[in-house]
N, C-alpha and C. Protein backbone atom coordinates (compact mmCIF):
# COMPACT_ATOMS: atom_id res chain seq x y z
N UNK A 1 11.52 -8.91 -22.31
CA UNK A 1 10.29 -9.63 -22.68
C UNK A 1 10.27 -11.00 -22.03
N UNK A 2 9.07 -11.40 -21.58
CA UNK A 2 8.89 -12.75 -21.07
C UNK A 2 7.67 -13.37 -21.75
N UNK A 3 7.79 -14.65 -22.08
CA UNK A 3 6.69 -15.34 -22.76
C UNK A 3 6.67 -16.80 -22.34
N UNK A 4 5.48 -17.38 -22.32
CA UNK A 4 5.33 -18.81 -22.04
C UNK A 4 4.48 -19.45 -23.14
N UNK A 5 4.68 -20.75 -23.32
CA UNK A 5 3.93 -21.48 -24.34
C UNK A 5 3.65 -22.89 -23.84
N UNK A 6 2.37 -23.28 -23.86
CA UNK A 6 1.95 -24.63 -23.47
C UNK A 6 2.47 -25.03 -22.10
N UNK A 7 2.47 -24.09 -21.16
CA UNK A 7 3.09 -24.33 -19.86
C UNK A 7 2.18 -25.16 -18.96
N UNK A 8 2.75 -26.22 -18.37
CA UNK A 8 2.01 -27.07 -17.44
C UNK A 8 2.85 -27.33 -16.20
N UNK A 9 2.15 -27.62 -15.10
CA UNK A 9 2.84 -27.95 -13.85
C UNK A 9 1.95 -28.85 -13.02
N UNK A 10 2.58 -29.77 -12.28
CA UNK A 10 1.83 -30.71 -11.45
C UNK A 10 2.44 -30.78 -10.06
N UNK A 11 1.62 -30.54 -9.05
CA UNK A 11 2.04 -30.78 -7.66
C UNK A 11 1.85 -32.24 -7.29
N UNK A 12 0.83 -32.86 -7.88
CA UNK A 12 0.52 -34.26 -7.63
C UNK A 12 -0.40 -34.74 -8.75
N UNK A 13 -0.75 -36.00 -8.73
CA UNK A 13 -1.62 -36.52 -9.78
C UNK A 13 -3.01 -35.90 -9.71
N UNK A 14 -3.37 -35.36 -8.53
CA UNK A 14 -4.68 -34.74 -8.37
C UNK A 14 -4.66 -33.23 -8.57
N UNK A 15 -3.46 -32.63 -8.61
CA UNK A 15 -3.38 -31.18 -8.68
C UNK A 15 -2.50 -30.77 -9.84
N UNK A 16 -3.13 -30.55 -10.99
CA UNK A 16 -2.42 -30.21 -12.22
C UNK A 16 -2.88 -28.86 -12.74
N UNK A 17 -1.95 -28.15 -13.36
CA UNK A 17 -2.27 -26.85 -13.94
C UNK A 17 -1.82 -26.79 -15.39
N UNK A 18 -2.66 -26.22 -16.23
CA UNK A 18 -2.31 -25.88 -17.60
C UNK A 18 -2.57 -24.40 -17.78
N UNK A 19 -1.55 -23.67 -18.21
CA UNK A 19 -1.66 -22.22 -18.26
C UNK A 19 -1.80 -21.73 -19.70
N UNK A 20 -2.56 -20.66 -19.90
CA UNK A 20 -2.68 -20.09 -21.25
C UNK A 20 -1.36 -19.48 -21.71
N UNK A 21 -1.14 -19.48 -23.01
CA UNK A 21 0.07 -18.83 -23.54
C UNK A 21 0.06 -17.36 -23.15
N UNK A 22 1.24 -16.85 -22.90
CA UNK A 22 1.35 -15.54 -22.25
C UNK A 22 2.58 -14.81 -22.77
N UNK A 23 2.47 -13.50 -22.91
CA UNK A 23 3.66 -12.72 -23.24
C UNK A 23 3.51 -11.31 -22.68
N UNK A 24 4.62 -10.76 -22.23
CA UNK A 24 4.66 -9.40 -21.71
C UNK A 24 5.90 -8.74 -22.30
N UNK A 25 5.69 -7.72 -23.10
CA UNK A 25 6.79 -7.08 -23.83
C UNK A 25 7.60 -6.16 -22.92
N UNK A 26 8.74 -5.72 -23.43
CA UNK A 26 9.54 -4.72 -22.72
C UNK A 26 8.71 -3.47 -22.48
N UNK A 27 8.86 -2.88 -21.29
CA UNK A 27 8.16 -1.65 -20.90
C UNK A 27 6.64 -1.84 -20.83
N UNK A 28 6.22 -3.08 -20.66
CA UNK A 28 4.78 -3.38 -20.58
C UNK A 28 4.45 -3.95 -19.21
N UNK A 29 3.25 -3.64 -18.72
CA UNK A 29 2.76 -4.19 -17.46
C UNK A 29 1.56 -5.08 -17.75
N UNK A 30 1.59 -6.27 -17.15
CA UNK A 30 0.52 -7.23 -17.35
C UNK A 30 0.05 -7.74 -16.00
N UNK A 31 -1.27 -7.75 -15.78
CA UNK A 31 -1.85 -8.30 -14.56
C UNK A 31 -2.26 -9.75 -14.80
N UNK A 32 -2.05 -10.59 -13.78
CA UNK A 32 -2.56 -11.96 -13.78
C UNK A 32 -3.68 -12.01 -12.75
N UNK A 33 -4.89 -12.30 -13.22
CA UNK A 33 -6.07 -12.30 -12.37
C UNK A 33 -6.67 -13.71 -12.33
N UNK A 34 -7.50 -13.93 -11.32
CA UNK A 34 -8.17 -15.23 -11.21
C UNK A 34 -8.54 -15.52 -9.77
N UNK A 35 -9.48 -16.41 -9.58
CA UNK A 35 -9.92 -16.78 -8.24
C UNK A 35 -8.85 -17.59 -7.54
N UNK A 36 -8.96 -17.69 -6.22
CA UNK A 36 -8.02 -18.49 -5.44
C UNK A 36 -8.04 -19.94 -5.91
N UNK A 37 -6.85 -20.53 -5.97
CA UNK A 37 -6.73 -21.92 -6.39
C UNK A 37 -6.54 -22.12 -7.87
N UNK A 38 -6.55 -21.03 -8.64
CA UNK A 38 -6.39 -21.13 -10.09
C UNK A 38 -4.92 -21.20 -10.53
N UNK A 39 -3.99 -21.02 -9.57
CA UNK A 39 -2.57 -21.20 -9.91
C UNK A 39 -1.84 -19.92 -10.25
N UNK A 40 -2.34 -18.77 -9.79
CA UNK A 40 -1.69 -17.50 -10.14
C UNK A 40 -0.25 -17.44 -9.61
N UNK A 41 -0.08 -17.75 -8.33
CA UNK A 41 1.27 -17.70 -7.75
C UNK A 41 2.14 -18.80 -8.34
N UNK A 42 1.57 -19.96 -8.61
CA UNK A 42 2.33 -21.04 -9.26
C UNK A 42 2.83 -20.59 -10.63
N UNK A 43 1.99 -19.93 -11.39
CA UNK A 43 2.37 -19.40 -12.71
C UNK A 43 3.53 -18.42 -12.56
N UNK A 44 3.44 -17.54 -11.58
CA UNK A 44 4.50 -16.55 -11.35
C UNK A 44 5.80 -17.25 -10.95
N UNK A 45 5.71 -18.26 -10.09
CA UNK A 45 6.92 -18.97 -9.64
C UNK A 45 7.55 -19.79 -10.75
N UNK A 46 6.76 -20.26 -11.68
CA UNK A 46 7.32 -20.93 -12.86
C UNK A 46 8.13 -19.94 -13.71
N UNK A 47 7.57 -18.76 -13.93
CA UNK A 47 8.27 -17.74 -14.71
C UNK A 47 9.54 -17.27 -14.00
N UNK A 48 9.55 -17.36 -12.67
CA UNK A 48 10.71 -16.95 -11.89
C UNK A 48 11.74 -18.07 -11.75
N UNK A 49 11.45 -19.23 -12.32
CA UNK A 49 12.34 -20.40 -12.23
C UNK A 49 12.49 -20.91 -10.80
N UNK A 50 11.47 -20.62 -9.98
CA UNK A 50 11.44 -21.18 -8.63
C UNK A 50 10.80 -22.56 -8.64
N UNK A 51 10.03 -22.83 -9.69
CA UNK A 51 9.46 -24.15 -9.95
C UNK A 51 9.84 -24.56 -11.36
N UNK A 52 9.96 -25.86 -11.58
CA UNK A 52 10.29 -26.35 -12.92
C UNK A 52 9.03 -26.91 -13.57
N UNK A 53 8.68 -26.44 -14.76
CA UNK A 53 7.44 -26.90 -15.39
C UNK A 53 7.52 -28.38 -15.79
N UNK A 54 6.36 -29.03 -15.84
CA UNK A 54 6.31 -30.40 -16.33
C UNK A 54 6.24 -30.43 -17.86
N UNK A 55 5.91 -29.30 -18.45
CA UNK A 55 5.86 -29.21 -19.90
C UNK A 55 5.77 -27.76 -20.34
N UNK A 56 6.10 -27.52 -21.62
CA UNK A 56 6.01 -26.18 -22.16
C UNK A 56 7.32 -25.41 -22.10
N UNK A 57 7.25 -24.16 -22.52
CA UNK A 57 8.45 -23.33 -22.64
C UNK A 57 8.27 -21.99 -21.93
N UNK A 58 9.39 -21.47 -21.43
CA UNK A 58 9.46 -20.13 -20.86
C UNK A 58 10.63 -19.42 -21.53
N UNK A 59 10.39 -18.23 -22.03
CA UNK A 59 11.45 -17.45 -22.65
C UNK A 59 11.55 -16.08 -21.99
N UNK A 60 12.77 -15.68 -21.71
CA UNK A 60 13.06 -14.31 -21.27
C UNK A 60 14.09 -13.74 -22.23
N UNK A 61 13.75 -12.60 -22.82
CA UNK A 61 14.62 -11.97 -23.82
C UNK A 61 14.99 -12.95 -24.93
N UNK A 62 13.98 -13.71 -25.37
CA UNK A 62 14.13 -14.68 -26.47
C UNK A 62 15.07 -15.83 -26.15
N UNK A 63 15.38 -16.04 -24.87
CA UNK A 63 16.21 -17.16 -24.45
C UNK A 63 15.34 -18.19 -23.75
N UNK A 64 15.40 -19.43 -24.22
CA UNK A 64 14.64 -20.51 -23.60
C UNK A 64 15.28 -20.87 -22.25
N UNK A 65 14.49 -20.81 -21.18
CA UNK A 65 15.06 -20.98 -19.84
C UNK A 65 14.44 -22.12 -19.05
N UNK A 66 13.41 -22.76 -19.57
CA UNK A 66 12.67 -23.74 -18.78
C UNK A 66 13.47 -25.01 -18.50
N UNK A 67 14.52 -25.28 -19.27
CA UNK A 67 15.32 -26.49 -19.06
C UNK A 67 16.59 -26.23 -18.26
N UNK A 68 16.74 -25.04 -17.70
CA UNK A 68 17.94 -24.73 -16.93
C UNK A 68 18.07 -25.65 -15.71
N UNK A 69 19.32 -25.97 -15.38
CA UNK A 69 19.59 -26.68 -14.13
C UNK A 69 19.29 -25.75 -12.96
N UNK A 70 19.27 -26.29 -11.76
CA UNK A 70 18.97 -25.48 -10.57
C UNK A 70 20.00 -24.36 -10.40
N UNK A 71 21.27 -24.68 -10.58
CA UNK A 71 22.32 -23.67 -10.38
C UNK A 71 22.29 -22.61 -11.49
N UNK A 72 22.07 -23.04 -12.73
CA UNK A 72 21.98 -22.09 -13.84
C UNK A 72 20.76 -21.19 -13.68
N UNK A 73 19.65 -21.77 -13.24
CA UNK A 73 18.43 -20.99 -13.02
C UNK A 73 18.64 -19.95 -11.93
N UNK A 74 19.32 -20.34 -10.84
CA UNK A 74 19.56 -19.41 -9.74
C UNK A 74 20.42 -18.24 -10.19
N UNK A 75 21.43 -18.52 -10.99
CA UNK A 75 22.32 -17.46 -11.48
C UNK A 75 21.57 -16.54 -12.44
N UNK A 76 20.80 -17.13 -13.35
CA UNK A 76 20.04 -16.33 -14.32
C UNK A 76 19.01 -15.47 -13.60
N UNK A 77 18.34 -16.05 -12.63
CA UNK A 77 17.31 -15.33 -11.88
C UNK A 77 17.92 -14.13 -11.15
N UNK A 78 19.05 -14.33 -10.50
CA UNK A 78 19.69 -13.26 -9.74
C UNK A 78 20.05 -12.08 -10.63
N UNK A 79 20.44 -12.35 -11.87
CA UNK A 79 20.91 -11.29 -12.77
C UNK A 79 19.80 -10.66 -13.61
N UNK A 80 18.72 -11.40 -13.83
CA UNK A 80 17.73 -10.95 -14.81
C UNK A 80 16.30 -10.78 -14.32
N UNK A 81 15.99 -11.32 -13.15
CA UNK A 81 14.61 -11.33 -12.67
C UNK A 81 14.54 -10.70 -11.29
N UNK A 82 13.65 -9.72 -11.13
CA UNK A 82 13.37 -9.14 -9.82
C UNK A 82 12.06 -9.70 -9.32
N UNK A 83 12.05 -10.26 -8.10
CA UNK A 83 10.86 -10.90 -7.57
C UNK A 83 10.37 -10.14 -6.34
N UNK A 84 9.09 -9.81 -6.33
CA UNK A 84 8.45 -9.19 -5.18
C UNK A 84 7.46 -10.23 -4.63
N UNK A 85 7.83 -10.83 -3.51
CA UNK A 85 7.00 -11.88 -2.93
C UNK A 85 5.81 -11.29 -2.16
N UNK A 86 4.76 -12.09 -2.03
CA UNK A 86 3.59 -11.66 -1.27
C UNK A 86 3.96 -11.45 0.20
N UNK A 87 4.79 -12.34 0.74
CA UNK A 87 5.30 -12.20 2.10
C UNK A 87 6.81 -11.95 2.00
N UNK A 88 7.29 -10.83 2.51
CA UNK A 88 8.71 -10.48 2.37
C UNK A 88 9.64 -11.53 2.97
N UNK A 89 10.77 -11.75 2.29
CA UNK A 89 11.81 -12.68 2.76
C UNK A 89 13.09 -11.88 2.93
N UNK A 90 13.60 -11.83 4.16
CA UNK A 90 14.82 -11.08 4.44
C UNK A 90 15.79 -11.92 5.26
N UNK A 91 17.05 -11.49 5.28
CA UNK A 91 18.02 -12.02 6.24
C UNK A 91 17.93 -11.11 7.45
N UNK A 92 17.34 -11.60 8.53
CA UNK A 92 16.98 -10.74 9.65
C UNK A 92 18.19 -10.21 10.41
N UNK A 93 19.35 -10.86 10.26
CA UNK A 93 20.54 -10.37 10.95
C UNK A 93 21.16 -9.17 10.23
N UNK A 94 20.71 -8.88 9.02
CA UNK A 94 21.24 -7.76 8.24
C UNK A 94 20.33 -6.55 8.35
N UNK A 95 20.90 -5.37 8.12
CA UNK A 95 20.11 -4.15 8.10
C UNK A 95 19.31 -4.07 6.79
N UNK A 96 18.44 -3.09 6.74
CA UNK A 96 17.67 -2.86 5.52
C UNK A 96 18.61 -2.60 4.34
N UNK A 97 19.59 -1.73 4.52
CA UNK A 97 20.56 -1.45 3.47
C UNK A 97 21.30 -2.71 3.04
N UNK A 98 21.74 -3.50 4.00
CA UNK A 98 22.48 -4.73 3.68
C UNK A 98 21.61 -5.73 2.95
N UNK A 99 20.32 -5.79 3.28
CA UNK A 99 19.42 -6.67 2.54
C UNK A 99 19.26 -6.22 1.09
N UNK A 100 19.25 -4.91 0.87
CA UNK A 100 19.17 -4.40 -0.50
C UNK A 100 20.44 -4.75 -1.28
N UNK A 101 21.59 -4.53 -0.65
CA UNK A 101 22.86 -4.78 -1.31
C UNK A 101 23.12 -6.27 -1.52
N UNK A 102 22.46 -7.11 -0.74
CA UNK A 102 22.60 -8.56 -0.90
C UNK A 102 22.16 -8.98 -2.30
N UNK A 103 21.18 -8.29 -2.86
CA UNK A 103 20.74 -8.61 -4.22
C UNK A 103 21.87 -8.43 -5.22
N UNK A 104 22.67 -7.38 -5.04
CA UNK A 104 23.85 -7.16 -5.90
C UNK A 104 24.86 -8.27 -5.72
N UNK A 105 25.11 -8.64 -4.49
CA UNK A 105 26.11 -9.69 -4.18
C UNK A 105 25.72 -11.01 -4.83
N UNK A 106 24.46 -11.39 -4.71
CA UNK A 106 24.01 -12.67 -5.25
C UNK A 106 24.08 -12.71 -6.77
N UNK A 107 24.03 -11.54 -7.40
CA UNK A 107 24.14 -11.47 -8.86
C UNK A 107 25.58 -11.25 -9.30
N UNK A 108 26.52 -11.22 -8.35
CA UNK A 108 27.93 -11.02 -8.69
C UNK A 108 28.23 -9.62 -9.19
N UNK A 109 27.48 -8.64 -8.69
CA UNK A 109 27.65 -7.26 -9.14
C UNK A 109 28.13 -6.38 -7.99
N UNK A 110 28.69 -5.23 -8.34
CA UNK A 110 29.19 -4.31 -7.33
C UNK A 110 28.02 -3.69 -6.56
N UNK A 111 28.29 -3.28 -5.33
CA UNK A 111 27.24 -2.72 -4.48
C UNK A 111 26.74 -1.38 -5.02
N UNK A 112 25.46 -1.30 -5.24
CA UNK A 112 24.84 -0.09 -5.80
C UNK A 112 24.21 0.72 -4.66
N UNK A 113 25.07 1.30 -3.82
CA UNK A 113 24.56 2.02 -2.64
C UNK A 113 23.75 3.25 -3.04
N UNK A 114 24.18 3.95 -4.07
CA UNK A 114 23.44 5.14 -4.50
C UNK A 114 22.04 4.77 -4.98
N UNK A 115 21.93 3.66 -5.72
CA UNK A 115 20.63 3.20 -6.19
C UNK A 115 19.76 2.80 -5.00
N UNK A 116 20.34 2.12 -4.02
CA UNK A 116 19.59 1.71 -2.83
C UNK A 116 19.02 2.94 -2.11
N UNK A 117 19.84 3.98 -1.98
CA UNK A 117 19.38 5.21 -1.31
C UNK A 117 18.29 5.89 -2.12
N UNK A 118 18.45 5.90 -3.44
CA UNK A 118 17.45 6.52 -4.31
C UNK A 118 16.11 5.79 -4.21
N UNK A 119 16.15 4.47 -4.23
CA UNK A 119 14.91 3.70 -4.13
C UNK A 119 14.26 3.88 -2.76
N UNK A 120 15.11 3.93 -1.72
CA UNK A 120 14.59 4.14 -0.37
C UNK A 120 13.90 5.50 -0.25
N UNK A 121 14.50 6.51 -0.86
CA UNK A 121 13.88 7.85 -0.86
C UNK A 121 12.56 7.82 -1.63
N UNK A 122 12.57 7.19 -2.78
CA UNK A 122 11.39 7.16 -3.64
C UNK A 122 10.23 6.43 -2.98
N UNK A 123 10.55 5.40 -2.19
CA UNK A 123 9.52 4.58 -1.57
C UNK A 123 9.25 4.94 -0.11
N UNK A 124 9.96 5.96 0.37
CA UNK A 124 9.64 6.50 1.69
C UNK A 124 10.13 5.72 2.88
N UNK A 125 11.28 5.02 2.75
CA UNK A 125 11.82 4.35 3.93
C UNK A 125 13.30 4.67 4.15
N UNK A 126 13.76 5.81 3.63
CA UNK A 126 15.18 6.18 3.73
C UNK A 126 15.65 6.26 5.18
N UNK A 127 14.77 6.67 6.08
CA UNK A 127 15.17 6.82 7.48
C UNK A 127 15.32 5.47 8.19
N UNK A 128 14.96 4.39 7.51
CA UNK A 128 15.02 3.06 8.12
C UNK A 128 16.17 2.20 7.59
N UNK A 129 17.03 2.75 6.76
CA UNK A 129 18.07 1.94 6.11
C UNK A 129 19.01 1.26 7.11
N UNK A 130 19.22 1.88 8.27
CA UNK A 130 20.14 1.32 9.26
C UNK A 130 19.47 0.30 10.17
N UNK A 131 18.13 0.20 10.10
CA UNK A 131 17.40 -0.69 10.99
C UNK A 131 17.42 -2.13 10.49
N UNK A 132 17.08 -3.06 11.39
CA UNK A 132 16.82 -4.43 10.99
C UNK A 132 15.41 -4.50 10.40
N UNK A 133 15.21 -5.43 9.48
CA UNK A 133 13.90 -5.52 8.82
C UNK A 133 12.79 -5.88 9.81
N UNK A 134 13.15 -6.56 10.91
CA UNK A 134 12.15 -6.93 11.91
C UNK A 134 11.60 -5.71 12.64
N UNK A 135 12.27 -4.57 12.53
CA UNK A 135 11.82 -3.35 13.19
C UNK A 135 10.83 -2.56 12.33
N UNK A 136 10.55 -3.04 11.13
CA UNK A 136 9.69 -2.32 10.21
C UNK A 136 8.26 -2.85 10.27
N UNK A 137 7.33 -2.01 9.89
CA UNK A 137 5.95 -2.44 9.76
C UNK A 137 5.80 -3.33 8.52
N UNK A 138 4.65 -3.98 8.41
CA UNK A 138 4.40 -4.85 7.25
C UNK A 138 4.47 -4.06 5.95
N UNK A 139 3.88 -2.87 5.94
CA UNK A 139 3.91 -2.05 4.74
C UNK A 139 5.31 -1.59 4.38
N UNK A 140 6.11 -1.25 5.40
CA UNK A 140 7.50 -0.83 5.16
C UNK A 140 8.32 -1.99 4.62
N UNK A 141 8.11 -3.19 5.18
CA UNK A 141 8.82 -4.37 4.68
C UNK A 141 8.48 -4.63 3.21
N UNK A 142 7.21 -4.43 2.85
CA UNK A 142 6.81 -4.65 1.47
C UNK A 142 7.51 -3.66 0.53
N UNK A 143 7.65 -2.41 0.98
CA UNK A 143 8.33 -1.41 0.16
C UNK A 143 9.81 -1.73 0.01
N UNK A 144 10.43 -2.28 1.06
CA UNK A 144 11.82 -2.71 0.96
C UNK A 144 11.94 -3.87 -0.04
N UNK A 145 10.99 -4.78 -0.02
CA UNK A 145 10.99 -5.90 -0.98
C UNK A 145 10.92 -5.40 -2.41
N UNK A 146 10.12 -4.38 -2.63
CA UNK A 146 9.99 -3.81 -3.97
C UNK A 146 11.31 -3.18 -4.40
N UNK A 147 11.93 -2.43 -3.48
CA UNK A 147 13.23 -1.83 -3.80
C UNK A 147 14.27 -2.89 -4.10
N UNK A 148 14.29 -3.95 -3.32
CA UNK A 148 15.29 -5.02 -3.53
C UNK A 148 15.12 -5.67 -4.90
N UNK A 149 13.89 -5.82 -5.35
CA UNK A 149 13.64 -6.43 -6.66
C UNK A 149 14.18 -5.58 -7.80
N UNK A 150 14.43 -4.29 -7.54
CA UNK A 150 14.90 -3.37 -8.57
C UNK A 150 16.41 -3.14 -8.53
N UNK A 151 17.09 -3.74 -7.55
CA UNK A 151 18.50 -3.41 -7.30
C UNK A 151 19.44 -3.77 -8.44
N UNK A 152 19.10 -4.78 -9.23
CA UNK A 152 19.96 -5.18 -10.35
C UNK A 152 19.41 -4.75 -11.71
N UNK A 153 18.43 -3.84 -11.68
CA UNK A 153 17.80 -3.37 -12.91
C UNK A 153 17.43 -4.54 -13.82
N UNK A 154 16.56 -5.43 -13.32
CA UNK A 154 16.25 -6.67 -14.04
C UNK A 154 15.49 -6.42 -15.33
N UNK A 155 15.54 -7.40 -16.21
CA UNK A 155 14.79 -7.30 -17.46
C UNK A 155 13.34 -7.74 -17.27
N UNK A 156 13.07 -8.48 -16.19
CA UNK A 156 11.72 -8.92 -15.87
C UNK A 156 11.48 -8.72 -14.37
N UNK A 157 10.34 -8.11 -14.03
CA UNK A 157 9.95 -7.95 -12.63
C UNK A 157 8.66 -8.73 -12.43
N UNK A 158 8.67 -9.64 -11.46
CA UNK A 158 7.51 -10.48 -11.16
C UNK A 158 7.04 -10.15 -9.75
N UNK A 159 5.78 -9.76 -9.61
CA UNK A 159 5.28 -9.28 -8.33
C UNK A 159 4.02 -10.02 -7.92
N UNK A 160 4.02 -10.55 -6.70
CA UNK A 160 2.87 -11.28 -6.16
C UNK A 160 2.19 -10.41 -5.11
N UNK A 161 1.06 -9.83 -5.46
CA UNK A 161 0.30 -8.94 -4.58
C UNK A 161 1.20 -7.85 -3.95
N UNK A 162 1.88 -7.05 -4.76
CA UNK A 162 2.87 -6.11 -4.22
C UNK A 162 2.28 -4.95 -3.43
N UNK A 163 0.98 -4.69 -3.59
CA UNK A 163 0.38 -3.52 -2.94
C UNK A 163 -0.66 -3.89 -1.88
N UNK A 164 -0.79 -5.17 -1.58
CA UNK A 164 -1.88 -5.62 -0.70
C UNK A 164 -1.79 -5.05 0.71
N UNK A 165 -0.57 -4.77 1.19
CA UNK A 165 -0.40 -4.27 2.56
C UNK A 165 -0.14 -2.77 2.60
N UNK A 166 -0.35 -2.08 1.48
CA UNK A 166 -0.04 -0.65 1.40
C UNK A 166 -1.30 0.21 1.41
N UNK A 167 -1.19 1.38 2.04
CA UNK A 167 -2.30 2.33 1.99
C UNK A 167 -2.34 2.98 0.60
N UNK A 168 -3.37 3.78 0.36
CA UNK A 168 -3.57 4.35 -0.97
C UNK A 168 -2.38 5.20 -1.42
N UNK A 169 -1.83 6.00 -0.51
CA UNK A 169 -0.72 6.88 -0.87
C UNK A 169 0.50 6.09 -1.29
N UNK A 170 0.85 5.07 -0.50
CA UNK A 170 2.03 4.27 -0.83
C UNK A 170 1.77 3.34 -2.02
N UNK A 171 0.54 2.94 -2.21
CA UNK A 171 0.19 2.15 -3.40
C UNK A 171 0.49 2.96 -4.66
N UNK A 172 0.09 4.23 -4.67
CA UNK A 172 0.34 5.09 -5.82
C UNK A 172 1.83 5.32 -6.04
N UNK A 173 2.59 5.48 -4.93
CA UNK A 173 4.04 5.64 -5.03
C UNK A 173 4.67 4.42 -5.69
N UNK A 174 4.24 3.24 -5.25
CA UNK A 174 4.79 1.99 -5.80
C UNK A 174 4.46 1.86 -7.27
N UNK A 175 3.22 2.11 -7.64
CA UNK A 175 2.82 2.01 -9.05
C UNK A 175 3.63 2.98 -9.90
N UNK A 176 3.77 4.21 -9.44
CA UNK A 176 4.54 5.21 -10.19
C UNK A 176 6.00 4.78 -10.33
N UNK A 177 6.60 4.30 -9.23
CA UNK A 177 8.00 3.90 -9.27
C UNK A 177 8.21 2.72 -10.22
N UNK A 178 7.34 1.73 -10.13
CA UNK A 178 7.49 0.56 -11.00
C UNK A 178 7.33 0.94 -12.47
N UNK A 179 6.39 1.81 -12.76
CA UNK A 179 6.20 2.24 -14.15
C UNK A 179 7.42 3.01 -14.66
N UNK A 180 7.98 3.87 -13.81
CA UNK A 180 9.19 4.61 -14.20
C UNK A 180 10.37 3.67 -14.41
N UNK A 181 10.50 2.68 -13.51
CA UNK A 181 11.62 1.75 -13.60
C UNK A 181 11.55 0.91 -14.87
N UNK A 182 10.38 0.37 -15.19
CA UNK A 182 10.32 -0.48 -16.37
C UNK A 182 10.54 0.35 -17.64
N UNK A 183 10.16 1.62 -17.60
CA UNK A 183 10.40 2.49 -18.74
C UNK A 183 11.89 2.78 -18.88
N UNK A 184 12.56 3.05 -17.76
CA UNK A 184 13.98 3.38 -17.78
C UNK A 184 14.84 2.20 -18.21
N UNK A 185 14.57 1.02 -17.66
CA UNK A 185 15.46 -0.12 -17.90
C UNK A 185 14.91 -1.08 -18.95
N UNK A 186 13.73 -0.77 -19.49
CA UNK A 186 13.18 -1.61 -20.55
C UNK A 186 12.70 -2.96 -20.06
N UNK A 187 12.19 -3.01 -18.83
CA UNK A 187 11.78 -4.28 -18.24
C UNK A 187 10.32 -4.60 -18.53
N UNK A 188 9.98 -5.88 -18.34
CA UNK A 188 8.59 -6.33 -18.37
C UNK A 188 8.14 -6.48 -16.91
N UNK A 189 6.91 -6.07 -16.62
CA UNK A 189 6.37 -6.16 -15.26
C UNK A 189 5.12 -7.03 -15.28
N UNK A 190 5.16 -8.13 -14.51
CA UNK A 190 4.03 -9.05 -14.41
C UNK A 190 3.57 -9.07 -12.96
N UNK A 191 2.28 -8.81 -12.74
CA UNK A 191 1.75 -8.66 -11.39
C UNK A 191 0.56 -9.58 -11.17
N UNK A 192 0.66 -10.42 -10.14
CA UNK A 192 -0.50 -11.16 -9.63
C UNK A 192 -1.19 -10.28 -8.61
N UNK A 193 -2.49 -10.07 -8.75
CA UNK A 193 -3.15 -9.15 -7.82
C UNK A 193 -4.65 -9.41 -7.71
N UNK A 194 -5.18 -9.04 -6.53
CA UNK A 194 -6.62 -8.89 -6.34
C UNK A 194 -6.95 -7.42 -6.10
N UNK A 195 -5.94 -6.56 -6.10
CA UNK A 195 -6.08 -5.17 -5.70
C UNK A 195 -6.81 -4.37 -6.78
N UNK A 196 -8.00 -3.90 -6.44
CA UNK A 196 -8.80 -3.15 -7.42
C UNK A 196 -8.08 -1.88 -7.86
N UNK A 197 -7.24 -1.31 -6.97
CA UNK A 197 -6.52 -0.09 -7.32
C UNK A 197 -5.59 -0.33 -8.51
N UNK A 198 -4.98 -1.51 -8.58
CA UNK A 198 -4.13 -1.83 -9.73
C UNK A 198 -4.96 -2.12 -10.97
N UNK A 199 -6.09 -2.78 -10.77
CA UNK A 199 -6.96 -3.07 -11.91
C UNK A 199 -7.46 -1.78 -12.57
N UNK A 200 -7.56 -0.74 -11.76
CA UNK A 200 -8.05 0.54 -12.29
C UNK A 200 -7.02 1.28 -13.14
N UNK A 201 -5.73 0.96 -12.96
CA UNK A 201 -4.68 1.72 -13.66
C UNK A 201 -3.89 0.89 -14.66
N UNK A 202 -4.14 -0.42 -14.72
CA UNK A 202 -3.44 -1.28 -15.68
C UNK A 202 -4.48 -2.00 -16.54
N UNK A 203 -4.42 -1.79 -17.82
CA UNK A 203 -5.44 -2.34 -18.72
C UNK A 203 -5.15 -3.78 -19.15
N UNK A 204 -3.87 -4.11 -19.37
CA UNK A 204 -3.55 -5.41 -19.94
C UNK A 204 -3.56 -6.46 -18.85
N UNK A 205 -4.25 -7.57 -19.12
CA UNK A 205 -4.42 -8.59 -18.10
C UNK A 205 -4.69 -9.94 -18.72
N UNK A 206 -4.47 -10.98 -17.92
CA UNK A 206 -4.80 -12.34 -18.33
C UNK A 206 -5.54 -12.98 -17.16
N UNK A 207 -6.59 -13.70 -17.45
CA UNK A 207 -7.40 -14.35 -16.42
C UNK A 207 -7.16 -15.86 -16.45
N UNK A 208 -6.87 -16.42 -15.29
CA UNK A 208 -6.66 -17.86 -15.18
C UNK A 208 -7.96 -18.53 -14.75
């Protein structure tokens, strides 16, 4: 479960955000909607502990996390939060498989090669595991990002436009996989999106 209360953030004196109280239960999917400039990605990055709020509280699994130090936040995030960025971030010198396993390493966990292969099969990029990420298409890179976010079976998955670069077939695969994963591991899934295809299949949402 993830929840926020009275959350605020400021980039400057002219650019301030106040976010509505929010909660997403275990095995629940919640969409964050809103026009450009309303702070959707900022809200997601606050929940991911990539930004520190100027006020308010963030709780994951009933643990208050908004006051964590940078190092504590990084460790907690690696073990408990899976992030799917709008633009994929990889270590380009590593193969696709090594980028997946890097998530395990950063969380101090053993390499889950079988899980990596399973996710690759489920998302349709198993034949690319030995390649460098720069050799993949934009859609393939996005699917690898989704798999990497699931490598530690996180309690919270935060996704920023996870299906924007995917065709209809792969969009459905991703939605099905994410729904199965959150059901299996009891995770909360929070998605920032403009994708009408997701709006059509997920009822719970919050508008900024």
